[in-house]
N, C-alpha and C. Protein backbone atom coordinates (compact mmCIF):
# COMPACT_ATOMS: atom_id res chain seq x y z
N MET A 1 -72.22 62.14 -45.55
CA MET A 1 -72.37 61.01 -46.43
C MET A 1 -71.06 60.22 -46.46
N SER A 2 -71.17 58.94 -46.29
CA SER A 2 -69.99 58.10 -46.31
C SER A 2 -70.09 57.11 -47.47
N LEU A 3 -69.03 57.03 -48.24
CA LEU A 3 -68.99 56.14 -49.40
C LEU A 3 -68.04 54.98 -49.11
N THR A 4 -68.36 53.83 -49.64
CA THR A 4 -67.47 52.68 -49.50
C THR A 4 -66.28 52.87 -50.44
N LYS A 5 -65.22 52.12 -50.21
CA LYS A 5 -64.05 52.19 -51.09
C LYS A 5 -64.45 51.80 -52.51
N GLU A 6 -65.30 50.80 -52.64
CA GLU A 6 -65.75 50.37 -53.97
C GLU A 6 -66.50 51.50 -54.68
N GLN A 7 -67.39 52.20 -53.96
CA GLN A 7 -68.11 53.32 -54.55
C GLN A 7 -67.14 54.43 -54.97
N ARG A 8 -66.18 54.75 -54.10
CA ARG A 8 -65.18 55.79 -54.43
C ARG A 8 -64.37 55.38 -55.65
N ASP A 9 -63.94 54.11 -55.70
CA ASP A 9 -63.16 53.64 -56.85
C ASP A 9 -63.97 53.75 -58.14
N ASN A 10 -65.23 53.36 -58.10
CA ASN A 10 -66.08 53.45 -59.29
C ASN A 10 -66.22 54.89 -59.75
N ILE A 11 -66.42 55.80 -58.81
CA ILE A 11 -66.58 57.22 -59.15
C ILE A 11 -65.25 57.78 -59.66
N ASN A 12 -64.15 57.43 -59.01
CA ASN A 12 -62.83 57.90 -59.45
C ASN A 12 -62.48 57.43 -60.86
N ASN A 13 -63.04 56.32 -61.29
CA ASN A 13 -62.75 55.78 -62.62
C ASN A 13 -63.62 56.37 -63.72
N LEU A 14 -64.53 57.25 -63.37
CA LEU A 14 -65.36 57.92 -64.38
C LEU A 14 -64.49 58.89 -65.18
N SER A 15 -64.97 59.29 -66.34
CA SER A 15 -64.27 60.30 -67.14
C SER A 15 -64.32 61.65 -66.42
N SER A 16 -63.48 62.57 -66.85
CA SER A 16 -63.48 63.92 -66.25
C SER A 16 -64.87 64.55 -66.32
N GLU A 17 -65.53 64.41 -67.46
CA GLU A 17 -66.86 65.00 -67.64
C GLU A 17 -67.89 64.34 -66.73
N GLU A 18 -67.83 63.02 -66.58
CA GLU A 18 -68.77 62.33 -65.69
C GLU A 18 -68.51 62.68 -64.22
N ARG A 19 -67.23 62.81 -63.85
CA ARG A 19 -66.90 63.22 -62.48
C ARG A 19 -67.37 64.65 -62.23
N PHE A 20 -67.24 65.50 -63.25
CA PHE A 20 -67.71 66.88 -63.15
C PHE A 20 -69.21 66.91 -62.85
N LYS A 21 -69.99 66.17 -63.63
CA LYS A 21 -71.45 66.15 -63.43
C LYS A 21 -71.80 65.61 -62.05
N TYR A 22 -71.12 64.54 -61.63
CA TYR A 22 -71.35 63.96 -60.30
C TYR A 22 -71.01 64.99 -59.22
N CYS A 23 -69.88 65.65 -59.37
CA CYS A 23 -69.42 66.62 -58.37
C CYS A 23 -70.41 67.78 -58.22
N ILE A 24 -70.83 68.35 -59.33
CA ILE A 24 -71.78 69.47 -59.28
C ILE A 24 -73.08 69.03 -58.61
N LYS A 25 -73.58 67.86 -58.98
CA LYS A 25 -74.82 67.35 -58.40
C LYS A 25 -74.68 67.18 -56.88
N GLU A 26 -73.58 66.58 -56.45
CA GLU A 26 -73.38 66.31 -55.02
C GLU A 26 -73.15 67.60 -54.21
N ILE A 27 -72.36 68.52 -54.75
CA ILE A 27 -72.13 69.79 -54.05
C ILE A 27 -73.44 70.56 -53.93
N ALA A 28 -74.21 70.62 -55.01
CA ALA A 28 -75.49 71.32 -54.97
C ALA A 28 -76.44 70.68 -53.96
N GLN A 29 -76.45 69.36 -53.90
CA GLN A 29 -77.35 68.66 -52.99
C GLN A 29 -76.94 68.84 -51.53
N HIS A 30 -75.64 68.71 -51.23
CA HIS A 30 -75.17 68.76 -49.85
C HIS A 30 -74.74 70.16 -49.41
N LYS A 31 -74.68 71.09 -50.36
CA LYS A 31 -74.34 72.48 -50.09
C LYS A 31 -72.98 72.65 -49.44
N LYS A 32 -72.02 71.79 -49.87
CA LYS A 32 -70.65 71.86 -49.37
C LYS A 32 -69.68 71.63 -50.51
N VAL A 33 -68.64 72.48 -50.55
CA VAL A 33 -67.52 72.32 -51.47
C VAL A 33 -66.34 71.86 -50.62
N TRP A 34 -65.67 70.80 -51.02
CA TRP A 34 -64.52 70.29 -50.25
C TRP A 34 -63.22 70.68 -50.93
N ILE A 35 -62.29 71.22 -50.13
CA ILE A 35 -60.96 71.59 -50.60
C ILE A 35 -59.93 70.97 -49.66
N LEU A 36 -58.67 71.06 -50.03
CA LEU A 36 -57.57 70.67 -49.14
C LEU A 36 -56.87 71.93 -48.67
N THR A 37 -56.54 71.97 -47.38
CA THR A 37 -55.86 73.14 -46.82
C THR A 37 -54.64 72.73 -46.00
N ASP A 38 -53.74 73.69 -45.85
CA ASP A 38 -52.62 73.55 -44.93
C ASP A 38 -52.47 74.88 -44.20
N GLU A 39 -51.36 75.07 -43.51
CA GLU A 39 -51.19 76.29 -42.71
C GLU A 39 -51.12 77.55 -43.58
N HIS A 40 -50.89 77.41 -44.88
CA HIS A 40 -50.79 78.56 -45.78
C HIS A 40 -52.08 78.85 -46.53
N GLY A 41 -53.07 78.00 -46.42
CA GLY A 41 -54.32 78.19 -47.15
C GLY A 41 -54.70 76.97 -47.94
N CYS A 42 -55.39 77.18 -49.04
CA CYS A 42 -55.85 76.03 -49.81
C CYS A 42 -54.77 75.57 -50.80
N VAL A 43 -54.81 74.29 -51.10
CA VAL A 43 -53.89 73.66 -52.03
C VAL A 43 -54.23 74.12 -53.45
N MET A 44 -53.20 74.27 -54.28
CA MET A 44 -53.39 74.70 -55.66
C MET A 44 -52.81 73.64 -56.61
N LEU A 45 -53.44 73.52 -57.76
CA LEU A 45 -52.89 72.72 -58.86
C LEU A 45 -52.40 73.68 -59.92
N ASN A 46 -51.24 73.39 -60.48
CA ASN A 46 -50.65 74.27 -61.49
C ASN A 46 -50.48 73.53 -62.81
N THR A 47 -50.85 74.21 -63.89
CA THR A 47 -50.54 73.72 -65.23
C THR A 47 -49.68 74.79 -65.88
N GLU A 48 -49.30 74.57 -67.11
CA GLU A 48 -48.49 75.57 -67.80
C GLU A 48 -49.25 76.88 -67.99
N GLU A 49 -50.57 76.80 -68.18
CA GLU A 49 -51.36 78.00 -68.45
C GLU A 49 -52.14 78.51 -67.25
N GLU A 50 -52.51 77.62 -66.35
CA GLU A 50 -53.46 77.98 -65.30
C GLU A 50 -52.99 77.56 -63.92
N GLU A 51 -53.51 78.26 -62.94
CA GLU A 51 -53.36 77.87 -61.55
C GLU A 51 -54.78 77.77 -61.00
N GLY A 52 -55.08 76.68 -60.31
CA GLY A 52 -56.45 76.50 -59.87
C GLY A 52 -56.57 75.81 -58.53
N VAL A 53 -57.74 75.98 -57.94
CA VAL A 53 -58.08 75.35 -56.67
C VAL A 53 -58.86 74.08 -56.98
N PRO A 54 -58.33 72.92 -56.57
CA PRO A 54 -59.09 71.68 -56.79
C PRO A 54 -60.24 71.58 -55.77
N VAL A 55 -61.39 71.12 -56.24
CA VAL A 55 -62.56 70.94 -55.37
C VAL A 55 -63.10 69.53 -55.56
N TRP A 56 -63.71 69.01 -54.49
CA TRP A 56 -64.25 67.66 -54.50
C TRP A 56 -65.65 67.66 -53.91
N PRO A 57 -66.45 66.61 -54.24
CA PRO A 57 -67.84 66.55 -53.76
C PRO A 57 -67.99 66.04 -52.34
N HIS A 58 -66.98 65.31 -51.83
CA HIS A 58 -67.07 64.71 -50.49
C HIS A 58 -65.70 64.74 -49.84
N GLU A 59 -65.72 64.72 -48.53
CA GLU A 59 -64.49 64.74 -47.75
C GLU A 59 -63.54 63.61 -48.13
N GLU A 60 -64.09 62.40 -48.34
CA GLU A 60 -63.24 61.24 -48.64
C GLU A 60 -62.41 61.44 -49.90
N PHE A 61 -62.99 62.06 -50.92
CA PHE A 61 -62.26 62.29 -52.16
C PHE A 61 -61.14 63.31 -51.95
N ALA A 62 -61.43 64.37 -51.21
CA ALA A 62 -60.39 65.37 -50.92
C ALA A 62 -59.27 64.73 -50.11
N GLN A 63 -59.63 63.95 -49.10
CA GLN A 63 -58.64 63.36 -48.21
C GLN A 63 -57.74 62.36 -48.95
N GLU A 64 -58.26 61.72 -50.01
CA GLU A 64 -57.44 60.81 -50.81
C GLU A 64 -56.24 61.53 -51.42
N TRP A 65 -56.34 62.83 -51.58
CA TRP A 65 -55.25 63.63 -52.16
C TRP A 65 -54.21 64.04 -51.12
N ALA A 66 -54.48 63.83 -49.85
CA ALA A 66 -53.56 64.24 -48.78
C ALA A 66 -52.45 63.21 -48.62
N THR A 67 -51.65 63.07 -49.68
CA THR A 67 -50.53 62.13 -49.69
C THR A 67 -49.30 62.85 -50.23
N GLY A 68 -48.14 62.22 -50.10
CA GLY A 68 -46.91 62.79 -50.65
C GLY A 68 -46.67 64.19 -50.14
N GLU A 69 -46.46 65.13 -51.08
CA GLU A 69 -46.19 66.51 -50.69
C GLU A 69 -47.38 67.18 -49.98
N TRP A 70 -48.55 66.58 -50.10
CA TRP A 70 -49.74 67.14 -49.45
C TRP A 70 -50.18 66.33 -48.24
N SER A 71 -49.32 65.45 -47.73
CA SER A 71 -49.71 64.57 -46.62
C SER A 71 -50.04 65.34 -45.35
N HIS A 72 -49.58 66.56 -45.22
CA HIS A 72 -49.87 67.39 -44.04
C HIS A 72 -51.20 68.15 -44.18
N CYS A 73 -51.84 68.05 -45.34
CA CYS A 73 -53.08 68.80 -45.60
C CYS A 73 -54.29 68.08 -45.03
N LYS A 74 -55.35 68.86 -44.82
CA LYS A 74 -56.60 68.27 -44.34
C LYS A 74 -57.75 68.75 -45.22
N ALA A 75 -58.75 67.89 -45.32
CA ALA A 75 -59.95 68.26 -46.07
C ALA A 75 -60.76 69.25 -45.27
N GLU A 76 -61.27 70.26 -45.94
CA GLU A 76 -62.09 71.27 -45.28
C GLU A 76 -63.30 71.58 -46.16
N SER A 77 -64.46 71.68 -45.52
CA SER A 77 -65.66 72.00 -46.29
C SER A 77 -65.94 73.50 -46.22
N ILE A 78 -66.51 73.99 -47.30
CA ILE A 78 -66.94 75.38 -47.38
C ILE A 78 -68.40 75.33 -47.82
N SER A 79 -69.27 76.00 -47.09
CA SER A 79 -70.68 76.02 -47.49
C SER A 79 -70.80 76.71 -48.84
N THR A 80 -71.79 76.30 -49.61
CA THR A 80 -71.96 76.94 -50.91
C THR A 80 -72.30 78.43 -50.74
N ASN A 81 -73.01 78.79 -49.68
CA ASN A 81 -73.31 80.21 -49.44
C ASN A 81 -72.02 81.00 -49.26
N LYS A 82 -71.09 80.46 -48.47
CA LYS A 82 -69.80 81.13 -48.26
C LYS A 82 -69.01 81.15 -49.57
N TRP A 83 -69.05 80.05 -50.30
CA TRP A 83 -68.35 80.00 -51.59
C TRP A 83 -68.85 81.11 -52.51
N PHE A 84 -70.19 81.22 -52.62
CA PHE A 84 -70.78 82.22 -53.50
C PHE A 84 -70.45 83.64 -53.04
N SER A 85 -70.47 83.87 -51.74
CA SER A 85 -70.29 85.24 -51.24
C SER A 85 -68.82 85.67 -51.16
N ARG A 86 -67.88 84.72 -51.00
CA ARG A 86 -66.49 85.11 -50.82
C ARG A 86 -65.51 84.46 -51.79
N TRP A 87 -65.68 83.18 -52.05
CA TRP A 87 -64.67 82.46 -52.83
C TRP A 87 -64.73 82.81 -54.31
N THR A 88 -65.90 82.89 -54.89
CA THR A 88 -65.98 83.19 -56.32
C THR A 88 -65.26 84.49 -56.63
N ILE A 89 -65.59 85.55 -55.93
CA ILE A 89 -64.98 86.85 -56.19
C ILE A 89 -63.49 86.84 -55.84
N GLY A 90 -63.13 86.16 -54.76
CA GLY A 90 -61.72 86.09 -54.36
C GLY A 90 -60.87 85.37 -55.39
N LEU A 91 -61.37 84.26 -55.90
CA LEU A 91 -60.63 83.52 -56.93
C LEU A 91 -60.52 84.34 -58.21
N GLU A 92 -61.62 85.03 -58.57
CA GLU A 92 -61.58 85.88 -59.76
C GLU A 92 -60.53 86.97 -59.60
N GLN A 93 -60.51 87.62 -58.44
CA GLN A 93 -59.55 88.70 -58.21
C GLN A 93 -58.10 88.19 -58.26
N ASP A 94 -57.89 86.95 -57.79
CA ASP A 94 -56.55 86.35 -57.81
C ASP A 94 -56.23 85.66 -59.14
N GLU A 95 -57.18 85.74 -60.09
CA GLU A 95 -57.04 85.13 -61.41
C GLU A 95 -56.75 83.63 -61.32
N LEU A 96 -57.52 82.96 -60.46
CA LEU A 96 -57.41 81.52 -60.27
C LEU A 96 -58.64 80.83 -60.85
N SER A 97 -58.45 79.59 -61.25
CA SER A 97 -59.54 78.77 -61.77
C SER A 97 -59.96 77.76 -60.71
N VAL A 98 -61.01 77.01 -61.04
CA VAL A 98 -61.48 75.90 -60.20
C VAL A 98 -61.24 74.62 -60.99
N VAL A 99 -60.58 73.65 -60.36
CA VAL A 99 -60.35 72.34 -60.98
C VAL A 99 -61.36 71.39 -60.33
N VAL A 100 -62.39 71.03 -61.07
CA VAL A 100 -63.49 70.25 -60.51
C VAL A 100 -63.14 68.77 -60.52
N PHE A 101 -63.07 68.20 -59.30
CA PHE A 101 -62.90 66.77 -59.05
C PHE A 101 -61.76 66.16 -59.87
N PRO A 102 -60.52 66.63 -59.65
CA PRO A 102 -59.40 66.04 -60.38
C PRO A 102 -59.17 64.59 -60.00
N ASP A 103 -58.64 63.83 -60.95
CA ASP A 103 -58.33 62.43 -60.68
C ASP A 103 -56.85 62.29 -60.31
N ALA A 104 -56.36 61.07 -60.19
CA ALA A 104 -54.99 60.82 -59.78
C ALA A 104 -53.97 61.40 -60.77
N ARG A 105 -54.39 61.59 -62.02
CA ARG A 105 -53.50 62.19 -63.02
C ARG A 105 -53.63 63.71 -63.03
N GLU A 106 -54.33 64.24 -62.04
CA GLU A 106 -54.57 65.69 -61.90
C GLU A 106 -55.42 66.24 -63.04
N GLU A 107 -56.25 65.37 -63.62
CA GLU A 107 -57.13 65.80 -64.69
C GLU A 107 -58.54 66.00 -64.14
N GLY A 108 -59.08 67.16 -64.42
CA GLY A 108 -60.44 67.49 -64.02
C GLY A 108 -60.93 68.60 -64.93
N VAL A 109 -62.19 68.95 -64.81
CA VAL A 109 -62.75 70.03 -65.62
C VAL A 109 -62.31 71.35 -65.01
N LEU A 110 -61.71 72.20 -65.83
CA LEU A 110 -61.20 73.50 -65.39
C LEU A 110 -62.23 74.57 -65.75
N LEU A 111 -62.67 75.32 -64.74
CA LEU A 111 -63.67 76.36 -64.95
C LEU A 111 -63.20 77.68 -64.33
N PHE A 112 -63.68 78.79 -64.89
CA PHE A 112 -63.52 80.06 -64.21
C PHE A 112 -64.44 80.04 -62.99
N PRO A 113 -64.11 80.77 -61.93
CA PRO A 113 -64.94 80.74 -60.72
C PRO A 113 -66.42 81.05 -60.97
N GLU A 114 -66.71 82.02 -61.84
CA GLU A 114 -68.11 82.37 -62.08
C GLU A 114 -68.83 81.25 -62.83
N GLU A 115 -68.11 80.49 -63.66
CA GLU A 115 -68.71 79.35 -64.35
C GLU A 115 -69.06 78.24 -63.35
N PHE A 116 -68.15 78.01 -62.39
CA PHE A 116 -68.40 77.00 -61.36
C PHE A 116 -69.63 77.39 -60.55
N GLU A 117 -69.72 78.64 -60.15
CA GLU A 117 -70.88 79.11 -59.40
C GLU A 117 -72.15 78.96 -60.21
N TYR A 118 -72.11 79.31 -61.49
CA TYR A 118 -73.26 79.18 -62.36
C TYR A 118 -73.75 77.72 -62.42
N GLU A 119 -72.80 76.80 -62.59
CA GLU A 119 -73.15 75.38 -62.66
C GLU A 119 -73.84 74.91 -61.37
N LEU A 120 -73.34 75.37 -60.24
CA LEU A 120 -73.94 74.98 -58.95
C LEU A 120 -75.33 75.59 -58.78
N LYS A 121 -75.49 76.83 -59.17
CA LYS A 121 -76.77 77.53 -58.96
C LYS A 121 -77.86 77.04 -59.89
N LYS A 122 -77.50 76.51 -61.04
CA LYS A 122 -78.55 76.06 -61.97
C LYS A 122 -79.12 74.70 -61.58
N ARG A 123 -78.56 74.06 -60.56
CA ARG A 123 -79.04 72.76 -60.09
C ARG A 123 -80.27 72.92 -59.24
């Protein structure tokens, strides 16, 4: 799926909750979770309390984050089947959260991995 810049801008300007709903719907429909990776693995976002893996609904949104300190990163898709079978448990074991569709201010809905999986499966 390819989105125009105008469509991406409109979606990026939604509230965190609206982006969350859009992201879950799109991931469930296309059966792909998009992350950013480098030679060390997936990119992480850190807050004072949490460390999490940011996820996006489409490659274009993930790639928009490949700037500055992350300019060497590339967008990578993970099938929802692989996410459910390996990533949920792996993130739980590493005590990491999922940051759903963060915006330019690094604000997104923060979920535990099992909550993210639940949201995807109920679609």
